[in-house]
Amino acid sequence: MSENNPAVQTEHQVSTEDVTSFLDSVLNGPADRVLPPELVQKLFTVAVQHYSRGYETGPAFPPMLRNHVNATDVSTCCIEMLRVVDLELFELTFWGGRLRDTPEYENR
């Protein structure tokens, strides 16, 4: 693998298409399907890391697909994410100063 392509190498290389296909099948599958906790933790961790890494330099985009989540989903995850890093809700306002101007997500 060249230095220009920093893709993660694994014992069994997985293509972006394979990951996308899996995620599409989960998103469009039965609403009562529950993935194993360990898989959800890994998916969430990777998503949060990569969203944060690209936040400062990349184009602004919503971190989720709006038509697949609701306010309860988001609230539950936000509260638990804050607990994981031992961050109080009021402390989050201090981090708000580093955020970009409010992006317009309505049309995305």
PDB file of N, CA and C in Angstrom:
ATOM      1  N   MET A   1       0.841  -1.164   0.000  1.00  0.00           N
ATOM      2  CA  MET A   1       0.000   0.000   0.000  1.00  0.00           C
ATOM      3  C   MET A   1       0.889   1.231   0.000  1.00  0.00           C
ATOM      4  N   SER A   2       0.584   2.195  -0.829  1.00  0.00           N
ATOM      5  CA  SER A   2       1.412   3.386  -0.921  1.00  0.00           C
ATOM      6  C   SER A   2       1.110   4.337   0.230  1.00  0.00           C
ATOM      7  N   GLU A   3       2.050   5.272   0.462  1.00  0.00           N
ATOM      8  CA  GLU A   3       1.838   6.249   1.520  1.00  0.00           C
ATOM      9  C   GLU A   3       0.712   7.210   1.181  1.00  0.00           C
ATOM     10  N   ASN A   4       0.373   7.325  -0.106  1.00  0.00           N
ATOM     11  CA  ASN A   4      -0.708   8.218  -0.511  1.00  0.00           C
ATOM     12  C   ASN A   4      -2.078   7.653  -0.194  1.00  0.00           C
ATOM     13  N   ASN A   5      -2.148   6.383   0.131  1.00  0.00           N
ATOM     14  CA  ASN A   5      -3.417   5.740   0.437  1.00  0.00           C
ATOM     15  C   ASN A   5      -3.351   5.193   1.852  1.00  0.00           C
ATOM     16  N   PRO A   6      -3.756   6.004   2.854  1.00  0.00           N
ATOM     17  CA  PRO A   6      -3.624   5.582   4.249  1.00  0.00           C
ATOM     18  C   PRO A   6      -4.733   4.657   4.719  1.00  0.00           C
ATOM     19  N   ALA A   7      -5.294   3.843   3.824  1.00  0.00           N
ATOM     20  CA  ALA A   7      -6.368   2.925   4.211  1.00  0.00           C
ATOM     21  C   ALA A   7      -5.865   1.965   5.276  1.00  0.00           C
ATOM     22  N   VAL A   8      -6.747   1.607   6.157  1.00  0.00           N
ATOM     23  CA  VAL A   8      -6.406   0.676   7.219  1.00  0.00           C
ATOM     24  C   VAL A   8      -6.277  -0.716   6.619  1.00  0.00           C
ATOM     25  N   GLN A   9      -5.157  -1.350   6.888  1.00  0.00           N
ATOM     26  CA  GLN A   9      -4.960  -2.709   6.412  1.00  0.00           C
ATOM     27  C   GLN A   9      -5.396  -3.671   7.502  1.00  0.00           C
ATOM     28  N   THR A  10      -6.121  -4.683   7.096  1.00  0.00           N
ATOM     29  CA  THR A  10      -6.540  -5.708   8.040  1.00  0.00           C
ATOM     30  C   THR A  10      -6.207  -7.056   7.434  1.00  0.00           C
ATOM     31  N   GLU A  11      -6.331  -8.087   8.230  1.00  0.00           N
ATOM     32  CA  GLU A  11      -6.064  -9.430   7.742  1.00  0.00           C
ATOM     33  C   GLU A  11      -6.962  -9.745   6.556  1.00  0.00           C
ATOM     34  N   HIS A  12      -8.212  -9.348   6.645  1.00  0.00           N
ATOM     35  CA  HIS A  12      -9.185  -9.540   5.568  1.00  0.00           C
ATOM     36  C   HIS A  12      -9.631  -8.155   5.122  1.00  0.00           C
ATOM     37  N   GLN A  13      -8.969  -7.623   4.087  1.00  0.00           N
ATOM     38  CA  GLN A  13      -9.280  -6.272   3.617  1.00  0.00           C
ATOM     39  C   GLN A  13     -10.745  -6.189   3.202  1.00  0.00           C
ATOM     40  N   VAL A  14     -11.443  -5.195   3.700  1.00  0.00           N
ATOM     41  CA  VAL A  14     -12.854  -4.987   3.399  1.00  0.00           C
ATOM     42  C   VAL A  14     -12.958  -3.731   2.552  1.00  0.00           C
ATOM     43  N   SER A  15     -13.718  -3.813   1.481  1.00  0.00           N
ATOM     44  CA  SER A  15     -13.860  -2.662   0.602  1.00  0.00           C
ATOM     45  C   SER A  15     -14.917  -1.701   1.131  1.00  0.00           C
ATOM     46  N   THR A  16     -14.817  -0.461   0.685  1.00  0.00           N
ATOM     47  CA  THR A  16     -15.815   0.537   1.036  1.00  0.00           C
ATOM     48  C   THR A  16     -17.189   0.079   0.581  1.00  0.00           C
ATOM     49  N   GLU A  17     -17.250  -0.560  -0.580  1.00  0.00           N
ATOM     50  CA  GLU A  17     -18.525  -1.049  -1.102  1.00  0.00           C
ATOM     51  C   GLU A  17     -19.132  -2.109  -0.191  1.00  0.00           C
ATOM     52  N   ASP A  18     -18.284  -2.979   0.376  1.00  0.00           N
ATOM     53  CA  ASP A  18     -18.782  -4.002   1.299  1.00  0.00           C
ATOM     54  C   ASP A  18     -19.371  -3.369   2.563  1.00  0.00           C
ATOM     55  N   VAL A  19     -18.669  -2.388   3.100  1.00  0.00           N
ATOM     56  CA  VAL A  19     -19.147  -1.710   4.298  1.00  0.00           C
ATOM     57  C   VAL A  19     -20.441  -0.974   3.991  1.00  0.00           C
ATOM     58  N   THR A  20     -20.467  -0.251   2.868  1.00  0.00           N
ATOM     59  CA  THR A  20     -21.663   0.488   2.476  1.00  0.00           C
ATOM     60  C   THR A  20     -22.836  -0.455   2.282  1.00  0.00           C
ATOM     61  N   SER A  21     -22.606  -1.578   1.647  1.00  0.00           N
ATOM     62  CA  SER A  21     -23.667  -2.559   1.423  1.00  0.00           C
ATOM     63  C   SER A  21     -24.211  -3.084   2.754  1.00  0.00           C
ATOM     64  N   PHE A  22     -23.323  -3.395   3.687  1.00  0.00           N
ATOM     65  CA  PHE A  22     -23.753  -3.866   5.004  1.00  0.00           C
ATOM     66  C   PHE A  22     -24.573  -2.803   5.716  1.00  0.00           C
ATOM     67  N   LEU A  23     -24.063  -1.562   5.739  1.00  0.00           N
ATOM     68  CA  LEU A  23     -24.771  -0.491   6.433  1.00  0.00           C
ATOM     69  C   LEU A  23     -26.130  -0.215   5.796  1.00  0.00           C
ATOM     70  N   ASP A  24     -26.203  -0.253   4.471  1.00  0.00           N
ATOM     71  CA  ASP A  24     -27.484  -0.071   3.786  1.00  0.00           C
ATOM     72  C   ASP A  24     -28.472  -1.170   4.171  1.00  0.00           C
ATOM     73  N   SER A  25     -27.982  -2.404   4.271  1.00  0.00           N
ATOM     74  CA  SER A  25     -28.880  -3.509   4.630  1.00  0.00           C
ATOM     75  C   SER A  25     -29.412  -3.347   6.050  1.00  0.00           C
ATOM     76  N   VAL A  26     -28.587  -2.811   6.945  1.00  0.00           N
ATOM     77  CA  VAL A  26     -29.038  -2.585   8.324  1.00  0.00           C
ATOM     78  C   VAL A  26     -30.022  -1.419   8.362  1.00  0.00           C
ATOM     79  N   LEU A  27     -29.675  -0.303   7.680  1.00  0.00           N
ATOM     80  CA  LEU A  27     -30.563   0.870   7.668  1.00  0.00           C
ATOM     81  C   LEU A  27     -31.929   0.565   7.073  1.00  0.00           C
ATOM     82  N   ASN A  28     -31.948  -0.260   6.048  1.00  0.00           N
ATOM     83  CA  ASN A  28     -33.196  -0.546   5.340  1.00  0.00           C
ATOM     84  C   ASN A  28     -33.845  -1.860   5.786  1.00  0.00           C
ATOM     85  N   GLY A  29     -33.252  -2.507   6.770  1.00  0.00           N
ATOM     86  CA  GLY A  29     -33.784  -3.775   7.259  1.00  0.00           C
ATOM     87  C   GLY A  29     -34.902  -3.569   8.260  1.00  0.00           C
ATOM     88  N   PRO A  30     -35.309  -4.645   8.898  1.00  0.00           N
ATOM     89  CA  PRO A  30     -36.397  -4.565   9.881  1.00  0.00           C
ATOM     90  C   PRO A  30     -36.058  -3.609  11.022  1.00  0.00           C
ATOM     91  N   ALA A  31     -37.031  -2.810  11.432  1.00  0.00           N
ATOM     92  CA  ALA A  31     -36.826  -1.811  12.483  1.00  0.00           C
ATOM     93  C   ALA A  31     -36.493  -2.447  13.823  1.00  0.00           C
ATOM     94  N   ASP A  32     -36.901  -3.695  14.032  1.00  0.00           N
ATOM     95  CA  ASP A  32     -36.650  -4.335  15.322  1.00  0.00           C
ATOM     96  C   ASP A  32     -35.320  -5.094  15.360  1.00  0.00           C
ATOM     97  N   ARG A  33     -34.551  -5.023  14.285  1.00  0.00           N
ATOM     98  CA  ARG A  33     -33.247  -5.692  14.247  1.00  0.00           C
ATOM     99  C   ARG A  33     -32.295  -4.964  15.190  1.00  0.00           C
ATOM    100  N   VAL A  34     -31.605  -5.716  16.025  1.00  0.00           N
ATOM    101  CA  VAL A  34     -30.657  -5.145  16.980  1.00  0.00           C
ATOM    102  C   VAL A  34     -29.290  -5.786  16.731  1.00  0.00           C
ATOM    103  N   LEU A  35     -28.318  -4.939  16.478  1.00  0.00           N
ATOM    104  CA  LEU A  35     -26.952  -5.427  16.278  1.00  0.00           C
ATOM    105  C   LEU A  35     -26.309  -5.730  17.630  1.00  0.00           C
ATOM    106  N   PRO A  36     -25.301  -6.599  17.645  1.00  0.00           N
ATOM    107  CA  PRO A  36     -24.610  -6.893  18.903  1.00  0.00           C
ATOM    108  C   PRO A  36     -23.970  -5.622  19.487  1.00  0.00           C
ATOM    109  N   PRO A  37     -24.019  -5.449  20.806  1.00  0.00           N
ATOM    110  CA  PRO A  37     -23.473  -4.242  21.434  1.00  0.00           C
ATOM    111  C   PRO A  37     -22.028  -3.933  21.031  1.00  0.00           C
ATOM    112  N   GLU A  38     -21.188  -4.958  20.946  1.00  0.00           N
ATOM    113  CA  GLU A  38     -19.784  -4.741  20.600  1.00  0.00           C
ATOM    114  C   GLU A  38     -19.642  -4.144  19.203  1.00  0.00           C
ATOM    115  N   LEU A  39     -20.491  -4.561  18.269  1.00  0.00           N
ATOM    116  CA  LEU A  39     -20.460  -4.029  16.913  1.00  0.00           C
ATOM    117  C   LEU A  39     -20.938  -2.577  16.891  1.00  0.00           C
ATOM    118  N   VAL A  40     -22.000  -2.297  17.628  1.00  0.00           N
ATOM    119  CA  VAL A  40     -22.519  -0.926  17.697  1.00  0.00           C
ATOM    120  C   VAL A  40     -21.445  -0.008  18.293  1.00  0.00           C
ATOM    121  N   GLN A  41     -20.765  -0.453  19.350  1.00  0.00           N
ATOM    122  CA  GLN A  41     -19.713   0.356  19.965  1.00  0.00           C
ATOM    123  C   GLN A  41     -18.604   0.679  18.965  1.00  0.00           C
ATOM    124  N   LYS A  42     -18.179  -0.315  18.215  1.00  0.00           N
ATOM    125  CA  LYS A  42     -17.110  -0.097  17.240  1.00  0.00           C
ATOM    126  C   LYS A  42     -17.560   0.822  16.113  1.00  0.00           C
ATOM    127  N   LEU A  43     -18.766   0.609  15.601  1.00  0.00           N
ATOM    128  CA  LEU A  43     -19.284   1.471  14.531  1.00  0.00           C
ATOM    129  C   LEU A  43     -19.392   2.915  15.010  1.00  0.00           C
ATOM    130  N   PHE A  44     -19.930   3.091  16.199  1.00  0.00           N
ATOM    131  CA  PHE A  44     -20.117   4.425  16.759  1.00  0.00           C
ATOM    132  C   PHE A  44     -18.765   5.105  16.982  1.00  0.00           C
ATOM    133  N   THR A  45     -17.822   4.365  17.542  1.00  0.00           N
ATOM    134  CA  THR A  45     -16.493   4.918  17.816  1.00  0.00           C
ATOM    135  C   THR A  45     -15.811   5.374  16.536  1.00  0.00           C
ATOM    136  N   VAL A  46     -15.830   4.538  15.529  1.00  0.00           N
ATOM    137  CA  VAL A  46     -15.209   4.893  14.247  1.00  0.00           C
ATOM    138  C   VAL A  46     -15.912   6.103  13.630  1.00  0.00           C
ATOM    139  N   ALA A  47     -17.233   6.117  13.660  1.00  0.00           N
ATOM    140  CA  ALA A  47     -17.986   7.229  13.078  1.00  0.00           C
ATOM    141  C   ALA A  47     -17.669   8.540  13.795  1.00  0.00           C
ATOM    142  N   VAL A  48     -17.653   8.522  15.115  1.00  0.00           N
ATOM    143  CA  VAL A  48     -17.381   9.737  15.883  1.00  0.00           C
ATOM    144  C   VAL A  48     -15.954  10.219  15.623  1.00  0.00           C
ATOM    145  N   GLN A  49     -15.000   9.307  15.628  1.00  0.00           N
ATOM    146  CA  GLN A  49     -13.610   9.682  15.372  1.00  0.00           C
ATOM    147  C   GLN A  49     -13.461  10.335  14.002  1.00  0.00           C
ATOM    148  N   HIS A  50     -14.015   9.715  12.992  1.00  0.00           N
ATOM    149  CA  HIS A  50     -13.835  10.217  11.627  1.00  0.00           C
ATOM    150  C   HIS A  50     -14.609  11.496  11.373  1.00  0.00           C
ATOM    151  N   TYR A  51     -15.774  11.631  11.971  1.00  0.00           N
ATOM    152  CA  TYR A  51     -16.517  12.887  11.829  1.00  0.00           C
ATOM    153  C   TYR A  51     -15.721  14.021  12.466  1.00  0.00           C
ATOM    154  N   SER A  52     -15.193  13.782  13.652  1.00  0.00           N
ATOM    155  CA  SER A  52     -14.429  14.798  14.365  1.00  0.00           C
ATOM    156  C   SER A  52     -13.147  15.160  13.625  1.00  0.00           C
ATOM    157  N   ARG A  53     -12.451  14.159  13.075  1.00  0.00           N
ATOM    158  CA  ARG A  53     -11.204  14.409  12.339  1.00  0.00           C
ATOM    159  C   ARG A  53     -11.425  15.311  11.137  1.00  0.00           C
ATOM    160  N   GLY A  54     -12.534  15.110  10.438  1.00  0.00           N
ATOM    161  CA  GLY A  54     -12.794  15.885   9.241  1.00  0.00           C
ATOM    162  C   GLY A  54     -13.527  17.182   9.490  1.00  0.00           C
ATOM    163  N   TYR A  55     -13.951  17.414  10.717  1.00  0.00           N
ATOM    164  CA  TYR A  55     -14.787  18.564  11.026  1.00  0.00           C
ATOM    165  C   TYR A  55     -14.101  19.887  10.727  1.00  0.00           C
ATOM    166  N   GLU A  56     -12.849  20.017  11.126  1.00  0.00           N
ATOM    167  CA  GLU A  56     -12.142  21.281  10.962  1.00  0.00           C
ATOM    168  C   GLU A  56     -11.761  21.559   9.515  1.00  0.00           C
ATOM    169  N   THR A  57     -11.476  20.532   8.767  1.00  0.00           N
ATOM    170  CA  THR A  57     -10.939  20.738   7.421  1.00  0.00           C
ATOM    171  C   THR A  57     -11.896  20.390   6.297  1.00  0.00           C
ATOM    172  N   GLY A  58     -12.811  19.498   6.557  1.00  0.00           N
ATOM    173  CA  GLY A  58     -13.691  19.034   5.487  1.00  0.00           C
ATOM    174  C   GLY A  58     -14.944  19.872   5.358  1.00  0.00           C
ATOM    175  N   PRO A  59     -15.718  19.569   4.353  1.00  0.00           N
ATOM    176  CA  PRO A  59     -16.989  20.290   4.188  1.00  0.00           C
ATOM    177  C   PRO A  59     -17.969  19.899   5.304  1.00  0.00           C
ATOM    178  N   ALA A  60     -18.788  20.854   5.699  1.00  0.00           N
ATOM    179  CA  ALA A  60     -19.784  20.581   6.737  1.00  0.00           C
ATOM    180  C   ALA A  60     -20.874  19.682   6.167  1.00  0.00           C
ATOM    181  N   PHE A  61     -21.188  18.640   6.877  1.00  0.00           N
ATOM    182  CA  PHE A  61     -22.288  17.757   6.496  1.00  0.00           C
ATOM    183  C   PHE A  61     -22.909  17.208   7.769  1.00  0.00           C
ATOM    184  N   PRO A  62     -24.201  16.897   7.716  1.00  0.00           N
ATOM    185  CA  PRO A  62     -24.846  16.349   8.920  1.00  0.00           C
ATOM    186  C   PRO A  62     -24.202  15.024   9.315  1.00  0.00           C
ATOM    187  N   PRO A  63     -24.013  14.790  10.591  1.00  0.00           N
ATOM    188  CA  PRO A  63     -23.366  13.556  11.016  1.00  0.00           C
ATOM    189  C   PRO A  63     -24.252  12.315  10.888  1.00  0.00           C
ATOM    190  N   MET A  64     -25.540  12.503  10.602  1.00  0.00           N
ATOM    191  CA  MET A  64     -26.458  11.367  10.480  1.00  0.00           C
ATOM    192  C   MET A  64     -27.407  11.600   9.322  1.00  0.00           C
ATOM    193  N   LEU A  65     -28.060  10.525   8.915  1.00  0.00           N
ATOM    194  CA  LEU A  65     -29.104  10.610   7.898  1.00  0.00           C
ATOM    195  C   LEU A  65     -30.408  10.892   8.618  1.00  0.00           C
ATOM    196  N   ARG A  66     -30.936  12.075   8.425  1.00  0.00           N
ATOM    197  CA  ARG A  66     -32.101  12.547   9.185  1.00  0.00           C
ATOM    198  C   ARG A  66     -33.302  11.598   9.116  1.00  0.00           C
ATOM    199  N   ASN A  67     -33.543  11.014   7.963  1.00  0.00           N
ATOM    200  CA  ASN A  67     -34.731  10.174   7.809  1.00  0.00           C
ATOM    201  C   ASN A  67     -34.604   8.816   8.513  1.00  0.00           C
ATOM    202  N   HIS A  68     -33.469   8.568   9.175  1.00  0.00           N
ATOM    203  CA  HIS A  68     -33.278   7.294   9.871  1.00  0.00           C
ATOM    204  C   HIS A  68     -33.201   7.434  11.391  1.00  0.00           C
ATOM    205  N   VAL A  69     -33.238   8.665  11.911  1.00  0.00           N
ATOM    206  CA  VAL A  69     -33.170   8.875  13.359  1.00  0.00           C
ATOM    207  C   VAL A  69     -34.251   9.861  13.792  1.00  0.00           C
ATOM    208  N   ASN A  70     -34.583   9.794  15.071  1.00  0.00           N
ATOM    209  CA  ASN A  70     -35.552  10.746  15.623  1.00  0.00           C
ATOM    210  C   ASN A  70     -34.940  11.409  16.861  1.00  0.00           C
ATOM    211  N   ALA A  71     -35.673  12.308  17.471  1.00  0.00           N
ATOM    212  CA  ALA A  71     -35.161  13.060  18.622  1.00  0.00           C
ATOM    213  C   ALA A  71     -34.820  12.142  19.793  1.00  0.00           C
ATOM    214  N   THR A  72     -35.587  11.084  19.993  1.00  0.00           N
ATOM    215  CA  THR A  72     -35.292  10.142  21.076  1.00  0.00           C
ATOM    216  C   THR A  72     -33.967   9.437  20.824  1.00  0.00           C
ATOM    217  N   ASP A  73     -33.748   8.995  19.584  1.00  0.00           N
ATOM    218  CA  ASP A  73     -32.484   8.343  19.233  1.00  0.00           C
ATOM    219  C   ASP A  73     -31.301   9.258  19.536  1.00  0.00           C
ATOM    220  N   VAL A  74     -31.398  10.489  19.069  1.00  0.00           N
ATOM    221  CA  VAL A  74     -30.306  11.445  19.233  1.00  0.00           C
ATOM    222  C   VAL A  74     -30.094  11.778  20.703  1.00  0.00           C
ATOM    223  N   SER A  75     -31.148  12.036  21.440  1.00  0.00           N
ATOM    224  CA  SER A  75     -31.034  12.376  22.864  1.00  0.00           C
ATOM    225  C   SER A  75     -30.382  11.249  23.651  1.00  0.00           C
ATOM    226  N   THR A  76     -30.824  10.037  23.411  1.00  0.00           N
ATOM    227  CA  THR A  76     -30.266   8.874  24.113  1.00  0.00           C
ATOM    228  C   THR A  76     -28.775   8.757  23.847  1.00  0.00           C
ATOM    229  N   CYS A  77     -28.394   8.852  22.582  1.00  0.00           N
ATOM    230  CA  CYS A  77     -26.976   8.704  22.229  1.00  0.00           C
ATOM    231  C   CYS A  77     -26.135   9.847  22.772  1.00  0.00           C
ATOM    232  N   CYS A  78     -26.639  11.070  22.688  1.00  0.00           N
ATOM    233  CA  CYS A  78     -25.885  12.222  23.208  1.00  0.00           C
ATOM    234  C   CYS A  78     -25.617  12.083  24.701  1.00  0.00           C
ATOM    235  N   ILE A  79     -26.634  11.725  25.449  1.00  0.00           N
ATOM    236  CA  ILE A  79     -26.472  11.573  26.895  1.00  0.00           C
ATOM    237  C   ILE A  79     -25.438  10.497  27.211  1.00  0.00           C
ATOM    238  N   GLU A  80     -25.522   9.369  26.518  1.00  0.00           N
ATOM    239  CA  GLU A  80     -24.572   8.286  26.778  1.00  0.00           C
ATOM    240  C   GLU A  80     -23.164   8.632  26.312  1.00  0.00           C
ATOM    241  N   MET A  81     -23.040   9.386  25.210  1.00  0.00           N
ATOM    242  CA  MET A  81     -21.715   9.807  24.746  1.00  0.00           C
ATOM    243  C   MET A  81     -21.062  10.723  25.784  1.00  0.00           C
ATOM    244  N   LEU A  82     -21.836  11.623  26.370  1.00  0.00           N
ATOM    245  CA  LEU A  82     -21.303  12.507  27.401  1.00  0.00           C
ATOM    246  C   LEU A  82     -20.845  11.711  28.620  1.00  0.00           C
ATOM    247  N   ARG A  83     -21.595  10.677  28.980  1.00  0.00           N
ATOM    248  CA  ARG A  83     -21.210   9.838  30.125  1.00  0.00           C
ATOM    249  C   ARG A  83     -19.897   9.114  29.867  1.00  0.00           C
ATOM    250  N   VAL A  84     -19.715   8.617  28.649  1.00  0.00           N
ATOM    251  CA  VAL A  84     -18.501   7.856  28.318  1.00  0.00           C
ATOM    252  C   VAL A  84     -17.244   8.690  28.539  1.00  0.00           C
ATOM    253  N   VAL A  85     -17.303   9.977  28.188  1.00  0.00           N
ATOM    254  CA  VAL A  85     -16.129  10.829  28.324  1.00  0.00           C
ATOM    255  C   VAL A  85     -16.185  11.699  29.577  1.00  0.00           C
ATOM    256  N   ASP A  86     -17.139  11.419  30.464  1.00  0.00           N
ATOM    257  CA  ASP A  86     -17.293  12.128  31.731  1.00  0.00           C
ATOM    258  C   ASP A  86     -17.378  13.638  31.513  1.00  0.00           C
ATOM    259  N   LEU A  87     -18.269  14.036  30.613  1.00  0.00           N
ATOM    260  CA  LEU A  87     -18.482  15.440  30.285  1.00  0.00           C
ATOM    261  C   LEU A  87     -19.895  15.821  30.695  1.00  0.00           C
ATOM    262  N   GLU A  88     -20.015  16.871  31.479  1.00  0.00           N
ATOM    263  CA  GLU A  88     -21.324  17.344  31.914  1.00  0.00           C
ATOM    264  C   GLU A  88     -21.953  18.182  30.806  1.00  0.00           C
ATOM    265  N   LEU A  89     -23.255  18.207  30.779  1.00  0.00           N
ATOM    266  CA  LEU A  89     -23.968  18.951  29.748  1.00  0.00           C
ATOM    267  C   LEU A  89     -23.575  20.425  29.738  1.00  0.00           C
ATOM    268  N   PHE A  90     -23.431  21.031  30.913  1.00  0.00           N
ATOM    269  CA  PHE A  90     -23.063  22.449  30.950  1.00  0.00           C
ATOM    270  C   PHE A  90     -21.659  22.675  30.398  1.00  0.00           C
ATOM    271  N   GLU A  91     -20.760  21.677  30.542  1.00  0.00           N
ATOM    272  CA  GLU A  91     -19.404  21.802  29.997  1.00  0.00           C
ATOM    273  C   GLU A  91     -19.408  21.804  28.470  1.00  0.00           C
ATOM    274  N   LEU A  92     -20.410  21.194  27.907  1.00  0.00           N
ATOM    275  CA  LEU A  92     -20.518  21.136  26.464  1.00  0.00           C
ATOM    276  C   LEU A  92     -20.621  22.533  25.855  1.00  0.00           C
ATOM    277  N   THR A  93     -21.187  23.473  26.580  1.00  0.00           N
ATOM    278  CA  THR A  93     -21.305  24.841  26.058  1.00  0.00           C
ATOM    279  C   THR A  93     -19.935  25.479  25.841  1.00  0.00           C
ATOM    280  N   PHE A  94     -18.949  25.100  26.649  1.00  0.00           N
ATOM    281  CA  PHE A  94     -17.598  25.627  26.454  1.00  0.00           C
ATOM    282  C   PHE A  94     -17.019  25.142  25.125  1.00  0.00           C
ATOM    283  N   TRP A  95     -17.311  23.909  24.764  1.00  0.00           N
ATOM    284  CA  TRP A  95     -16.832  23.356  23.500  1.00  0.00           C
ATOM    285  C   TRP A  95     -17.550  23.991  22.317  1.00  0.00           C
ATOM    286  N   GLY A  96     -18.741  24.514  22.554  1.00  0.00           N
ATOM    287  CA  GLY A  96     -19.519  25.129  21.477  1.00  0.00           C
ATOM    288  C   GLY A  96     -18.809  26.285  20.809  1.00  0.00           C
ATOM    289  N   GLY A  97     -17.904  26.941  21.504  1.00  0.00           N
ATOM    290  CA  GLY A  97     -17.159  28.051  20.931  1.00  0.00           C
ATOM    291  C   GLY A  97     -16.239  27.640  19.800  1.00  0.00           C
ATOM    292  N   ARG A  98     -15.876  26.368  19.728  1.00  0.00           N
ATOM    293  CA  ARG A  98     -14.985  25.895  18.669  1.00  0.00           C
ATOM    294  C   ARG A  98     -15.759  25.489  17.426  1.00  0.00           C
ATOM    295  N   LEU A  99     -17.068  25.425  17.521  1.00  0.00           N
ATOM    296  CA  LEU A  99     -17.875  24.991  16.389  1.00  0.00           C
ATOM    297  C   LEU A  99     -17.978  26.075  15.328  1.00  0.00           C
ATOM    298  N   ARG A 100     -18.128  25.648  14.099  1.00  0.00           N
ATOM    299  CA  ARG A 100     -18.322  26.563  12.977  1.00  0.00           C
ATOM    300  C   ARG A 100     -19.668  27.254  13.109  1.00  0.00           C
ATOM    301  N   ASP A 101     -19.895  28.228  12.234  1.00  0.00           N
ATOM    302  CA  ASP A 101     -21.221  28.822  12.156  1.00  0.00           C
ATOM    303  C   ASP A 101     -22.225  27.712  11.924  1.00  0.00           C
ATOM    304  N   THR A 102     -23.444  27.938  12.357  1.00  0.00           N
ATOM    305  CA  THR A 102     -24.478  26.917  12.239  1.00  0.00           C
ATOM    306  C   THR A 102     -24.659  26.498  10.784  1.00  0.00           C
ATOM    307  N   PRO A 103     -24.351  25.234  10.476  1.00  0.00           N
ATOM    308  CA  PRO A 103     -24.562  24.781   9.093  1.00  0.00           C
ATOM    309  C   PRO A 103     -26.046  24.627   8.783  1.00  0.00           C
ATOM    310  N   GLU A 104     -26.374  24.777   7.543  1.00  0.00           N
ATOM    311  CA  GLU A 104     -27.753  24.600   7.096  1.00  0.00           C
ATOM    312  C   GLU A 104     -27.938  23.151   6.677  1.00  0.00           C
ATOM    313  N   TYR A 105     -28.653  22.386   7.487  1.00  0.00           N
ATOM    314  CA  TYR A 105     -28.860  20.974   7.207  1.00  0.00           C
ATOM    315  C   TYR A 105     -30.219  20.693   6.572  1.00  0.00           C
ATOM    316  N   GLU A 106     -31.080  21.672   6.496  1.00  0.00           N
ATOM    317  CA  GLU A 106     -32.455  21.448   6.057  1.00  0.00           C
ATOM    318  C   GLU A 106     -32.534  20.783   4.675  1.00  0.00           C
ATOM    319  N   ASN A 107     -31.629  21.129   3.790  1.00  0.00           N
ATOM    320  CA  ASN A 107     -31.705  20.622   2.415  1.00  0.00           C
ATOM    321  C   ASN A 107     -30.820  19.408   2.185  1.00  0.00           C
ATOM    322  N   ARG A 108     -30.330  18.811   3.241  1.00  0.00           N
ATOM    323  CA  ARG A 108     -29.421  17.668   3.051  1.00  0.00           C
ATOM    324  C   ARG A 108     -30.070  16.390   3.493  1.00  0.00           C
TER     325      ARG A 108
END
